[in-house]
Amino acid sequence: MSLPRFTPRQLSALVTVADVKSFAKAGERLNLSASAVSQLVAELESSIGFRLFDRTTRSVALSPAGREFHRSARCVLAHMELAQAAADDIRNRAAGIVRVAAPLILASTILPAAVKAYAGSQPKVLVRIRDTSVENLVDSVSSAAVDLAVGPDQTVSDGVARLDLFKSAWVLWFAAGHPLVERKEISWAELRHYPLVVAGRDYERTISLTHGEYHANDRITPVEIVENISTAFGMAAEGLGLVIAPAYVGLLGRRFGLVMRPIIQPEVMRQVCLYHSSTRDVSPAAEGFREHLIAWLAGKDHLGL
């Protein structure tokens, strides 16, 4: 397939002269001299092999062949303008697809709110949220399955960078009718006297590190470890146990009618991080959403972050 031998500037000269029916006026619109416009049209005619305009001393009009070609020329210029606009949007982070992985609670509460806020200023950017287990967050970035990942702090592999986003304290959730509702805070030692429910094995790593100096008989061991936080909250709502979870899960916990109380002595924090590739360029759209997410989270203290 041979490439056209004419240029966008030549097509633009053709379309403009056809619109204003004057080389001089076309030159004014294109910021060129009348002779420069005439030269562009002459070059185009030489390239395609037929006359585009019928010229007299008083008028300029498209020839029959020119009228046929004019429609295609205008269509080509319109598509080039669309291509340029698309390139501008991509360069300016105003268009594209961003894939973000996160565990269930972040994927169902915090990320949708952040995406909605971003859509207001960047409606052409499509952010796709993928709920992923904590254990697979780093791998999803490393394998390029997603552009970004948000979740608890994990050991990163080569090629994956980690940025601390926020800390959230581990707290206690329970039904509103529980006797502990009268308390303002609860110590870890007191929790050994209650049935406890946690979601995911990540609890074991975080809490055991904090209480690693305790004797095995003094450690706080959950009665139930379930896969999903919604299951844990459902059990707590029915009085089957108290849920230990980071404070940011309150966005979901309150929907179950649960009450939250801080756990002290000591206060244990969950670090939430943002993960992205350190060896591949992040797309402009992903870079824009990453910056938005960091700034948006910084102003959301009411989320329990």
C-alpha atoms as a PDB file:
ATOM      1  CA  MET A   1       0.000   0.000   0.000  1.00  0.00           C
ATOM      2  CA  SER A   2       1.568   3.259  -1.157  1.00  0.00           C
ATOM      3  CA  LEU A   3       1.355   6.287   1.097  1.00  0.00           C
ATOM      4  CA  PRO A   4      -0.253   9.544  -0.111  1.00  0.00           C
ATOM      5  CA  ARG A   5       2.171  12.077  -1.520  1.00  0.00           C
ATOM      6  CA  PHE A   6       0.200  15.094  -0.318  1.00  0.00           C
ATOM      7  CA  THR A   7       0.447  16.753   3.084  1.00  0.00           C
ATOM      8  CA  PRO A   8      -2.031  17.982   5.714  1.00  0.00           C
ATOM      9  CA  ARG A   9      -1.012  21.576   4.933  1.00  0.00           C
ATOM     10  CA  GLN A  10      -1.945  21.073   1.281  1.00  0.00           C
ATOM     11  CA  LEU A  11      -5.313  19.570   2.218  1.00  0.00           C
ATOM     12  CA  SER A  12      -5.929  22.412   4.647  1.00  0.00           C
ATOM     13  CA  ALA A  13      -5.213  24.951   1.892  1.00  0.00           C
ATOM     14  CA  LEU A  14      -7.691  23.178  -0.420  1.00  0.00           C
ATOM     15  CA  VAL A  15     -10.482  23.080   2.170  1.00  0.00           C
ATOM     16  CA  THR A  16      -9.945  26.682   3.268  1.00  0.00           C
ATOM     17  CA  VAL A  17      -9.916  28.085  -0.283  1.00  0.00           C
ATOM     18  CA  ALA A  18     -13.072  26.093  -1.039  1.00  0.00           C
ATOM     19  CA  ASP A  19     -14.747  27.548   2.057  1.00  0.00           C
ATOM     20  CA  VAL A  20     -13.901  31.229   1.480  1.00  0.00           C
ATOM     21  CA  LYS A  21     -13.615  31.095  -2.355  1.00  0.00           C
ATOM     22  CA  SER A  22     -10.507  33.275  -2.301  1.00  0.00           C
ATOM     23  CA  PHE A  23      -6.779  32.633  -2.066  1.00  0.00           C
ATOM     24  CA  ALA A  24      -6.239  35.946  -0.297  1.00  0.00           C
ATOM     25  CA  LYS A  25      -8.914  35.286   2.343  1.00  0.00           C
ATOM     26  CA  ALA A  26      -7.670  31.716   2.768  1.00  0.00           C
ATOM     27  CA  GLY A  27      -4.215  33.123   3.390  1.00  0.00           C
ATOM     28  CA  GLU A  28      -5.576  35.403   6.116  1.00  0.00           C
ATOM     29  CA  ARG A  29      -7.277  32.463   7.814  1.00  0.00           C
ATOM     30  CA  LEU A  30      -4.179  30.260   7.558  1.00  0.00           C
ATOM     31  CA  ASN A  31      -1.756  33.078   8.415  1.00  0.00           C
ATOM     32  CA  LEU A  32      -0.067  32.698   5.025  1.00  0.00           C
ATOM     33  CA  SER A  33       0.342  34.875   1.971  1.00  0.00           C
ATOM     34  CA  ALA A  34      -2.007  34.377  -0.972  1.00  0.00           C
ATOM     35  CA  SER A  35       0.914  33.167  -3.089  1.00  0.00           C
ATOM     36  CA  ALA A  36       1.881  30.585  -0.424  1.00  0.00           C
ATOM     37  CA  VAL A  37      -1.681  29.210  -0.419  1.00  0.00           C
ATOM     38  CA  SER A  38      -1.668  29.113  -4.208  1.00  0.00           C
ATOM     39  CA  GLN A  39       1.624  27.223  -4.136  1.00  0.00           C
ATOM     40  CA  LEU A  40       0.231  24.619  -1.699  1.00  0.00           C
ATOM     41  CA  VAL A  41      -2.795  24.061  -3.940  1.00  0.00           C
ATOM     42  CA  ALA A  42      -0.580  23.804  -7.035  1.00  0.00           C
ATOM     43  CA  GLU A  43       1.611  21.218  -5.299  1.00  0.00           C
ATOM     44  CA  LEU A  44      -1.484  19.218  -4.343  1.00  0.00           C
ATOM     45  CA  GLU A  45      -2.838  19.345  -7.897  1.00  0.00           C
ATOM     46  CA  SER A  46       0.533  18.141  -9.208  1.00  0.00           C
ATOM     47  CA  SER A  47       0.535  15.303  -6.692  1.00  0.00           C
ATOM     48  CA  ILE A  48      -2.974  14.000  -7.431  1.00  0.00           C
ATOM     49  CA  GLY A  49      -2.913  14.696 -11.166  1.00  0.00           C
ATOM     50  CA  PHE A  50      -5.970  16.911 -11.719  1.00  0.00           C
ATOM     51  CA  ARG A  51      -7.124  20.509 -11.339  1.00  0.00           C
ATOM     52  CA  LEU A  52      -8.928  21.363  -8.120  1.00  0.00           C
ATOM     53  CA  PHE A  53     -10.200  24.869  -8.851  1.00  0.00           C
ATOM     54  CA  ASP A  54     -11.580  26.797 -11.779  1.00  0.00           C
ATOM     55  CA  ARG A  55     -10.005  30.232 -11.510  1.00  0.00           C
ATOM     56  CA  THR A  56     -10.997  33.528 -13.070  1.00  0.00           C
ATOM     57  CA  THR A  57      -9.848  37.043 -12.303  1.00  0.00           C
ATOM     58  CA  ARG A  58     -12.889  37.503 -10.073  1.00  0.00           C
ATOM     59  CA  SER A  59     -13.753  34.090  -8.635  1.00  0.00           C
ATOM     60  CA  VAL A  60     -12.406  30.774  -7.450  1.00  0.00           C
ATOM     61  CA  ALA A  61     -14.624  27.675  -7.462  1.00  0.00           C
ATOM     62  CA  LEU A  62     -14.033  23.979  -7.095  1.00  0.00           C
ATOM     63  CA  SER A  63     -13.763  22.055 -10.337  1.00  0.00           C
ATOM     64  CA  PRO A  64     -15.990  18.980 -10.785  1.00  0.00           C
ATOM     65  CA  ALA A  65     -13.038  16.755  -9.826  1.00  0.00           C
ATOM     66  CA  GLY A  66     -12.207  19.153  -6.992  1.00  0.00           C
ATOM     67  CA  ARG A  67     -15.701  18.785  -5.560  1.00  0.00           C
ATOM     68  CA  GLU A  68     -15.298  15.013  -5.479  1.00  0.00           C
ATOM     69  CA  PHE A  69     -11.887  15.188  -3.817  1.00  0.00           C
ATOM     70  CA  HIS A  70     -12.910  17.967  -1.415  1.00  0.00           C
ATOM     71  CA  ARG A  71     -15.195  15.651   0.570  1.00  0.00           C
ATOM     72  CA  SER A  72     -12.392  13.142   1.171  1.00  0.00           C
ATOM     73  CA  ALA A  73      -9.918  15.900   2.037  1.00  0.00           C
ATOM     74  CA  ARG A  74     -12.268  17.363   4.630  1.00  0.00           C
ATOM     75  CA  CYS A  75     -12.850  13.900   6.111  1.00  0.00           C
ATOM     76  CA  VAL A  76      -9.090  13.253   6.362  1.00  0.00           C
ATOM     77  CA  LEU A  77      -8.532  16.572   8.153  1.00  0.00           C
ATOM     78  CA  ALA A  78     -11.399  15.855  10.564  1.00  0.00           C
ATOM     79  CA  HIS A  79      -9.883  12.487  11.496  1.00  0.00           C
ATOM     80  CA  MET A  80      -6.468  14.073  11.923  1.00  0.00           C
ATOM     81  CA  GLU A  81      -7.984  16.633  14.284  1.00  0.00           C
ATOM     82  CA  LEU A  82      -9.563  13.808  16.273  1.00  0.00           C
ATOM     83  CA  ALA A  83      -6.222  11.985  16.399  1.00  0.00           C
ATOM     84  CA  GLN A  84      -4.486  15.149  17.564  1.00  0.00           C
ATOM     85  CA  ALA A  85      -7.155  15.718  20.229  1.00  0.00           C
ATOM     86  CA  ALA A  86      -6.730  12.111  21.413  1.00  0.00           C
ATOM     87  CA  ALA A  87      -2.957  12.564  21.603  1.00  0.00           C
ATOM     88  CA  ASP A  88      -3.421  15.799  23.551  1.00  0.00           C
ATOM     89  CA  ASP A  89      -5.799  14.073  25.983  1.00  0.00           C
ATOM     90  CA  ILE A  90      -3.371  11.204  26.544  1.00  0.00           C
ATOM     91  CA  ARG A  91      -0.407  13.542  27.013  1.00  0.00           C
ATOM     92  CA  ASN A  92      -2.420  15.721  29.399  1.00  0.00           C
ATOM     93  CA  ARG A  93      -3.677  12.655  31.353  1.00  0.00           C
ATOM     94  CA  ALA A  94      -7.228  13.419  30.233  1.00  0.00           C
ATOM     95  CA  ALA A  95      -7.945  10.069  28.568  1.00  0.00           C
ATOM     96  CA  GLY A  96      -7.044   6.415  28.910  1.00  0.00           C
ATOM     97  CA  ILE A  97      -7.728   3.302  30.973  1.00  0.00           C
ATOM     98  CA  VAL A  98      -6.321   2.783  34.460  1.00  0.00           C
ATOM     99  CA  ARG A  99      -6.438  -0.651  36.142  1.00  0.00           C
ATOM    100  CA  VAL A 100      -6.263  -0.581  39.927  1.00  0.00           C
ATOM    101  CA  ALA A 101      -6.158  -3.627  42.206  1.00  0.00           C
ATOM    102  CA  ALA A 102      -7.185  -3.564  45.870  1.00  0.00           C
ATOM    103  CA  PRO A 103      -8.507  -5.924  48.573  1.00  0.00           C
ATOM    104  CA  LEU A 104     -12.274  -6.169  48.976  1.00  0.00           C
ATOM    105  CA  ILE A 105     -12.804  -3.442  51.568  1.00  0.00           C
ATOM    106  CA  LEU A 106     -10.707  -0.848  49.714  1.00  0.00           C
ATOM    107  CA  ALA A 107     -12.089  -1.919  46.346  1.00  0.00           C
ATOM    108  CA  SER A 108     -15.690  -1.576  47.509  1.00  0.00           C
ATOM    109  CA  THR A 109     -15.528   1.623  49.552  1.00  0.00           C
ATOM    110  CA  ILE A 110     -12.550   3.955  49.300  1.00  0.00           C
ATOM    111  CA  LEU A 111     -11.577   3.417  45.647  1.00  0.00           C
ATOM    112  CA  PRO A 112     -15.081   3.944  44.197  1.00  0.00           C
ATOM    113  CA  ALA A 113     -15.319   7.267  46.058  1.00  0.00           C
ATOM    114  CA  ALA A 114     -11.889   8.307  44.765  1.00  0.00           C
ATOM    115  CA  VAL A 115     -12.822   7.307  41.206  1.00  0.00           C
ATOM    116  CA  LYS A 116     -16.051   9.290  41.376  1.00  0.00           C
ATOM    117  CA  ALA A 117     -14.142  12.380  42.500  1.00  0.00           C
ATOM    118  CA  TYR A 118     -11.654  11.933  39.653  1.00  0.00           C
ATOM    119  CA  ALA A 119     -14.357  11.467  37.028  1.00  0.00           C
ATOM    120  CA  GLY A 120     -15.602  14.973  37.746  1.00  0.00           C
ATOM    121  CA  SER A 121     -12.392  16.503  36.392  1.00  0.00           C
ATOM    122  CA  GLN A 122     -11.264  13.754  33.988  1.00  0.00           C
ATOM    123  CA  PRO A 123     -14.418  12.205  32.469  1.00  0.00           C
ATOM    124  CA  LYS A 124     -12.494  10.526  29.628  1.00  0.00           C
ATOM    125  CA  VAL A 125     -10.330   8.465  31.988  1.00  0.00           C
ATOM    126  CA  LEU A 126     -11.786   5.022  32.701  1.00  0.00           C
ATOM    127  CA  VAL A 127     -10.624   3.586  36.036  1.00  0.00           C
ATOM    128  CA  ARG A 128     -11.262  -0.135  36.374  1.00  0.00           C
ATOM    129  CA  ILE A 129     -11.184  -1.544  39.909  1.00  0.00           C
ATOM    130  CA  ARG A 130     -10.178  -5.162  40.425  1.00  0.00           C
ATOM    131  CA  ASP A 131     -10.702  -6.741  43.840  1.00  0.00           C
ATOM    132  CA  THR A 132      -7.636  -8.818  44.642  1.00  0.00           C
ATOM    133  CA  SER A 133      -6.395 -10.706  47.674  1.00  0.00           C
ATOM    134  CA  VAL A 134      -3.733  -9.020  49.775  1.00  0.00           C
ATOM    135  CA  GLU A 135      -1.279 -11.781  48.880  1.00  0.00           C
ATOM    136  CA  ASN A 136      -1.633 -11.086  45.131  1.00  0.00           C
ATOM    137  CA  LEU A 137      -1.293  -7.283  45.155  1.00  0.00           C
ATOM    138  CA  VAL A 138       2.425  -7.114  44.378  1.00  0.00           C
ATOM    139  CA  ASP A 139       2.264  -9.912  41.812  1.00  0.00           C
ATOM    140  CA  SER A 140      -0.576  -8.170  39.960  1.00  0.00           C
ATOM    141  CA  VAL A 141       1.656  -5.122  39.486  1.00  0.00           C
ATOM    142  CA  SER A 142       4.770  -7.151  38.699  1.00  0.00           C
ATOM    143  CA  SER A 143       2.967  -9.143  35.997  1.00  0.00           C
ATOM    144  CA  ALA A 144       1.437  -5.968  34.482  1.00  0.00           C
ATOM    145  CA  ALA A 145      -2.069  -7.263  35.157  1.00  0.00           C
ATOM    146  CA  VAL A 146      -2.799  -3.843  36.676  1.00  0.00           C
ATOM    147  CA  ASP A 147      -1.209  -0.389  36.571  1.00  0.00           C
ATOM    148  CA  LEU A 148      -1.564   0.342  40.286  1.00  0.00           C
ATOM    149  CA  ALA A 149      -2.410  -1.546  43.459  1.00  0.00           C
ATOM    150  CA  VAL A 150      -3.571  -0.282  46.841  1.00  0.00           C
ATOM    151  CA  GLY A 151      -3.460  -2.334  50.022  1.00  0.00           C
ATOM    152  CA  PRO A 152      -1.658  -3.316  53.230  1.00  0.00           C
ATOM    153  CA  ASP A 153       2.115  -3.117  53.316  1.00  0.00           C
ATOM    154  CA  GLN A 154       3.716  -6.079  51.597  1.00  0.00           C
ATOM    155  CA  THR A 155       7.277  -7.002  50.770  1.00  0.00           C
ATOM    156  CA  VAL A 156       7.891  -5.817  47.229  1.00  0.00           C
ATOM    157  CA  SER A 157       9.760  -7.749  44.573  1.00  0.00           C
ATOM    158  CA  ASP A 158      12.267  -6.362  42.106  1.00  0.00           C
ATOM    159  CA  GLY A 159      10.506  -4.063  39.673  1.00  0.00           C
ATOM    160  CA  VAL A 160       7.747  -2.951  42.059  1.00  0.00           C
ATOM    161  CA  ALA A 161       7.829   0.312  43.995  1.00  0.00           C
ATOM    162  CA  ARG A 162       5.860   0.977  47.182  1.00  0.00           C
ATOM    163  CA  LEU A 163       4.626   4.314  48.497  1.00  0.00           C
ATOM    164  CA  ASP A 164       3.072   4.725  51.962  1.00  0.00           C
ATOM    165  CA  LEU A 165      -0.432   6.194  51.667  1.00  0.00           C
ATOM    166  CA  PHE A 166      -1.897   6.254  55.172  1.00  0.00           C
ATOM    167  CA  LYS A 167      -1.992   4.451  58.508  1.00  0.00           C
ATOM    168  CA  SER A 168      -5.123   3.157  60.144  1.00  0.00           C
ATOM    169  CA  ALA A 169      -5.371   1.843  63.691  1.00  0.00           C
ATOM    170  CA  TRP A 170      -6.606  -1.661  64.428  1.00  0.00           C
ATOM    171  CA  VAL A 171      -9.926  -1.236  66.260  1.00  0.00           C
ATOM    172  CA  LEU A 172     -12.774  -3.314  67.655  1.00  0.00           C
ATOM    173  CA  TRP A 173     -16.214  -3.627  66.037  1.00  0.00           C
ATOM    174  CA  PHE A 174     -19.245  -5.115  67.777  1.00  0.00           C
ATOM    175  CA  ALA A 175     -23.041  -4.996  67.913  1.00  0.00           C
ATOM    176  CA  ALA A 176     -24.620  -1.904  69.444  1.00  0.00           C
ATOM    177  CA  GLY A 177     -26.166  -3.983  72.229  1.00  0.00           C
ATOM    178  CA  HIS A 178     -22.861  -5.398  73.478  1.00  0.00           C
ATOM    179  CA  PRO A 179     -21.829  -4.474  77.093  1.00  0.00           C
ATOM    180  CA  LEU A 180     -18.596  -2.925  75.772  1.00  0.00           C
ATOM    181  CA  VAL A 181     -20.612  -0.120  74.205  1.00  0.00           C
ATOM    182  CA  GLU A 182     -20.244   1.775  77.492  1.00  0.00           C
ATOM    183  CA  ARG A 183     -16.464   1.785  77.132  1.00  0.00           C
ATOM    184  CA  LYS A 184     -14.485   4.464  75.278  1.00  0.00           C
ATOM    185  CA  GLU A 185     -11.529   2.170  74.578  1.00  0.00           C
ATOM    186  CA  ILE A 186     -10.458  -1.433  75.178  1.00  0.00           C
ATOM    187  CA  SER A 187      -7.005  -2.870  75.897  1.00  0.00           C
ATOM    188  CA  TRP A 188      -5.588  -5.856  74.028  1.00  0.00           C
ATOM    189  CA  ALA A 189      -5.322  -7.785  77.282  1.00  0.00           C
ATOM    190  CA  GLU A 190      -9.083  -7.509  77.837  1.00  0.00           C
ATOM    191  CA  LEU A 191      -9.822  -9.043  74.458  1.00  0.00           C
ATOM    192  CA  ARG A 192      -8.635 -12.448  75.649  1.00  0.00           C
ATOM    193  CA  HIS A 193     -11.963 -12.744  77.469  1.00  0.00           C
ATOM    194  CA  TYR A 194     -14.150 -12.377  74.346  1.00  0.00           C
ATOM    195  CA  PRO A 195     -14.762 -14.441  71.191  1.00  0.00           C
ATOM    196  CA  LEU A 196     -12.926 -12.676  68.358  1.00  0.00           C
ATOM    197  CA  VAL A 197     -13.363 -12.767  64.584  1.00  0.00           C
ATOM    198  CA  VAL A 198     -10.871 -11.511  61.991  1.00  0.00           C
ATOM    199  CA  ALA A 199     -10.857 -11.474  58.196  1.00  0.00           C
ATOM    200  CA  GLY A 200      -7.839 -12.848  56.365  1.00  0.00           C
ATOM    201  CA  ARG A 201      -4.485 -14.179  57.473  1.00  0.00           C
ATOM    202  CA  ASP A 202      -2.936 -10.724  57.311  1.00  0.00           C
ATOM    203  CA  TYR A 203      -4.151 -10.185  60.872  1.00  0.00           C
ATOM    204  CA  GLU A 204      -1.779 -12.860  62.132  1.00  0.00           C
ATOM    205  CA  ARG A 205       1.268 -11.152  60.646  1.00  0.00           C
ATOM    206  CA  THR A 206       0.404  -7.678  61.913  1.00  0.00           C
ATOM    207  CA  ILE A 207      -0.700  -8.581  65.412  1.00  0.00           C
ATOM    208  CA  SER A 208       1.845 -11.325  66.042  1.00  0.00           C
ATOM    209  CA  LEU A 209       4.660  -8.923  65.190  1.00  0.00           C
ATOM    210  CA  THR A 210       3.302  -6.403  67.645  1.00  0.00           C
ATOM    211  CA  HIS A 211       2.827  -8.979  70.411  1.00  0.00           C
ATOM    212  CA  GLY A 212       5.756 -11.196  69.475  1.00  0.00           C
ATOM    213  CA  GLU A 213       7.366 -10.693  72.862  1.00  0.00           C
ATOM    214  CA  TYR A 214       4.383 -12.209  74.680  1.00  0.00           C
ATOM    215  CA  HIS A 215       4.278 -15.760  75.908  1.00  0.00           C
ATOM    216  CA  ALA A 216       2.121 -18.043  73.770  1.00  0.00           C
ATOM    217  CA  ASN A 217      -0.472 -18.266  76.569  1.00  0.00           C
ATOM    218  CA  ASP A 218      -0.807 -14.475  76.624  1.00  0.00           C
ATOM    219  CA  ARG A 219      -1.270 -13.969  72.901  1.00  0.00           C
ATOM    220  CA  ILE A 220      -4.664 -13.001  71.558  1.00  0.00           C
ATOM    221  CA  THR A 221      -5.925 -15.750  69.294  1.00  0.00           C
ATOM    222  CA  PRO A 222      -9.071 -15.260  67.198  1.00  0.00           C
ATOM    223  CA  VAL A 223     -11.830 -17.803  67.577  1.00  0.00           C
ATOM    224  CA  GLU A 224     -12.748 -17.449  63.877  1.00  0.00           C
ATOM    225  CA  ILE A 225     -10.699 -16.429  60.847  1.00  0.00           C
ATOM    226  CA  VAL A 226     -12.908 -15.837  57.799  1.00  0.00           C
ATOM    227  CA  GLU A 227     -12.019 -14.845  54.250  1.00  0.00           C
ATOM    228  CA  ASN A 228     -14.191 -11.736  53.837  1.00  0.00           C
ATOM    229  CA  ILE A 229     -14.702  -8.800  56.173  1.00  0.00           C
ATOM    230  CA  SER A 230     -18.412  -8.758  55.312  1.00  0.00           C
ATOM    231  CA  THR A 231     -18.703 -12.252  56.799  1.00  0.00           C
ATOM    232  CA  ALA A 232     -16.972 -11.099  59.977  1.00  0.00           C
ATOM    233  CA  PHE A 233     -19.268  -8.088  60.257  1.00  0.00           C
ATOM    234  CA  GLY A 234     -22.311 -10.281  59.753  1.00  0.00           C
ATOM    235  CA  MET A 235     -21.195 -12.510  62.599  1.00  0.00           C
ATOM    236  CA  ALA A 236     -20.583  -9.499  64.848  1.00  0.00           C
ATOM    237  CA  ALA A 237     -23.996  -8.051  64.016  1.00  0.00           C
ATOM    238  CA  GLU A 238     -25.569 -11.289  65.273  1.00  0.00           C
ATOM    239  CA  GLY A 239     -23.492 -11.234  68.456  1.00  0.00           C
ATOM    240  CA  LEU A 240     -21.312 -14.182  67.471  1.00  0.00           C
ATOM    241  CA  GLY A 241     -18.060 -12.362  68.144  1.00  0.00           C
ATOM    242  CA  LEU A 242     -16.133  -9.109  68.176  1.00  0.00           C
ATOM    243  CA  VAL A 243     -14.308  -8.092  65.001  1.00  0.00           C
ATOM    244  CA  ILE A 244     -10.731  -6.817  65.023  1.00  0.00           C
ATOM    245  CA  ALA A 245     -10.057  -4.787  61.866  1.00  0.00           C
ATOM    246  CA  PRO A 246      -8.448  -1.517  60.730  1.00  0.00           C
ATOM    247  CA  ALA A 247     -10.465   1.641  61.322  1.00  0.00           C
ATOM    248  CA  TYR A 248     -10.961   2.341  57.610  1.00  0.00           C
ATOM    249  CA  VAL A 249     -13.283  -0.641  57.302  1.00  0.00           C
ATOM    250  CA  GLY A 250     -15.787   1.510  59.165  1.00  0.00           C
ATOM    251  CA  LEU A 251     -17.116   2.598  55.779  1.00  0.00           C
ATOM    252  CA  LEU A 252     -18.599  -0.893  55.617  1.00  0.00           C
ATOM    253  CA  GLY A 253     -18.920  -1.694  59.327  1.00  0.00           C
ATOM    254  CA  ARG A 254     -21.404   1.086  59.978  1.00  0.00           C
ATOM    255  CA  ARG A 255     -23.714  -0.356  57.355  1.00  0.00           C
ATOM    256  CA  PHE A 256     -24.038  -3.406  59.614  1.00  0.00           C
ATOM    257  CA  GLY A 257     -24.996  -1.175  62.535  1.00  0.00           C
ATOM    258  CA  LEU A 258     -21.752  -1.933  64.370  1.00  0.00           C
ATOM    259  CA  VAL A 259     -20.025   0.209  66.980  1.00  0.00           C
ATOM    260  CA  MET A 260     -16.292   0.923  66.899  1.00  0.00           C
ATOM    261  CA  ARG A 261     -13.910   1.344  69.837  1.00  0.00           C
ATOM    262  CA  PRO A 262     -10.117   1.951  69.809  1.00  0.00           C
ATOM    263  CA  ILE A 263      -7.812  -0.814  71.043  1.00  0.00           C
ATOM    264  CA  ILE A 264      -4.968   0.426  73.220  1.00  0.00           C
ATOM    265  CA  GLN A 265      -1.918  -0.785  75.139  1.00  0.00           C
ATOM    266  CA  PRO A 266      -0.463  -0.685  72.584  1.00  0.00           C
ATOM    267  CA  GLU A 267      -2.086   1.065  69.628  1.00  0.00           C
ATOM    268  CA  VAL A 268      -1.387  -1.060  66.545  1.00  0.00           C
ATOM    269  CA  MET A 269      -1.389   0.561  63.106  1.00  0.00           C
ATOM    270  CA  ARG A 270      -2.101  -0.855  59.660  1.00  0.00           C
ATOM    271  CA  GLN A 271      -0.005   0.745  56.899  1.00  0.00           C
ATOM    272  CA  VAL A 272      -1.749   1.014  53.538  1.00  0.00           C
ATOM    273  CA  CYS A 273       0.481   1.454  50.479  1.00  0.00           C
ATOM    274  CA  LEU A 274       0.320   2.243  46.786  1.00  0.00           C
ATOM    275  CA  TYR A 275       2.207  -0.113  44.462  1.00  0.00           C
ATOM    276  CA  HIS A 276       3.359   0.489  40.887  1.00  0.00           C
ATOM    277  CA  SER A 277       6.030  -0.760  38.516  1.00  0.00           C
ATOM    278  CA  SER A 278       9.508   0.682  38.917  1.00  0.00           C
ATOM    279  CA  THR A 279      10.763  -0.719  35.589  1.00  0.00           C
ATOM    280  CA  ARG A 280       7.890   0.109  33.215  1.00  0.00           C
ATOM    281  CA  ASP A 281       6.633   3.596  32.461  1.00  0.00           C
ATOM    282  CA  VAL A 282       3.246   4.264  34.015  1.00  0.00           C
ATOM    283  CA  SER A 283       0.760   5.568  31.446  1.00  0.00           C
ATOM    284  CA  PRO A 284      -0.134   9.269  31.640  1.00  0.00           C
ATOM    285  CA  ALA A 285      -3.672   8.321  32.694  1.00  0.00           C
ATOM    286  CA  ALA A 286      -2.380   6.069  35.497  1.00  0.00           C
ATOM    287  CA  GLU A 287       0.099   8.728  36.581  1.00  0.00           C
ATOM    288  CA  GLY A 288      -2.701  11.274  36.789  1.00  0.00           C
ATOM    289  CA  PHE A 289      -4.940   8.986  38.834  1.00  0.00           C
ATOM    290  CA  ARG A 290      -2.046   8.056  41.130  1.00  0.00           C
ATOM    291  CA  GLU A 291      -1.423  11.721  41.937  1.00  0.00           C
ATOM    292  CA  HIS A 292      -5.152  12.305  42.416  1.00  0.00           C
ATOM    293  CA  LEU A 293      -5.488   9.330  44.789  1.00  0.00           C
ATOM    294  CA  ILE A 294      -2.578  10.479  46.956  1.00  0.00           C
ATOM    295  CA  ALA A 295      -3.977  14.013  47.252  1.00  0.00           C
ATOM    296  CA  TRP A 296      -7.580  12.825  47.691  1.00  0.00           C
ATOM    297  CA  LEU A 297      -6.702  10.446  50.531  1.00  0.00           C
ATOM    298  CA  ALA A 298      -4.716  13.159  52.298  1.00  0.00           C
ATOM    299  CA  GLY A 299      -7.917  15.148  52.786  1.00  0.00           C
ATOM    300  CA  LYS A 300     -10.173  12.296  53.945  1.00  0.00           C
ATOM    301  CA  ASP A 301      -9.612  12.100  57.698  1.00  0.00           C
ATOM    302  CA  HIS A 302     -13.341  11.451  58.200  1.00  0.00           C
ATOM    303  CA  LEU A 303     -12.960   8.073  56.493  1.00  0.00           C
ATOM    304  CA  GLY A 304     -11.059   6.773  59.482  1.00  0.00           C
ATOM    305  CA  LEU A 305      -7.758   6.754  57.620  1.00  0.00           C
END
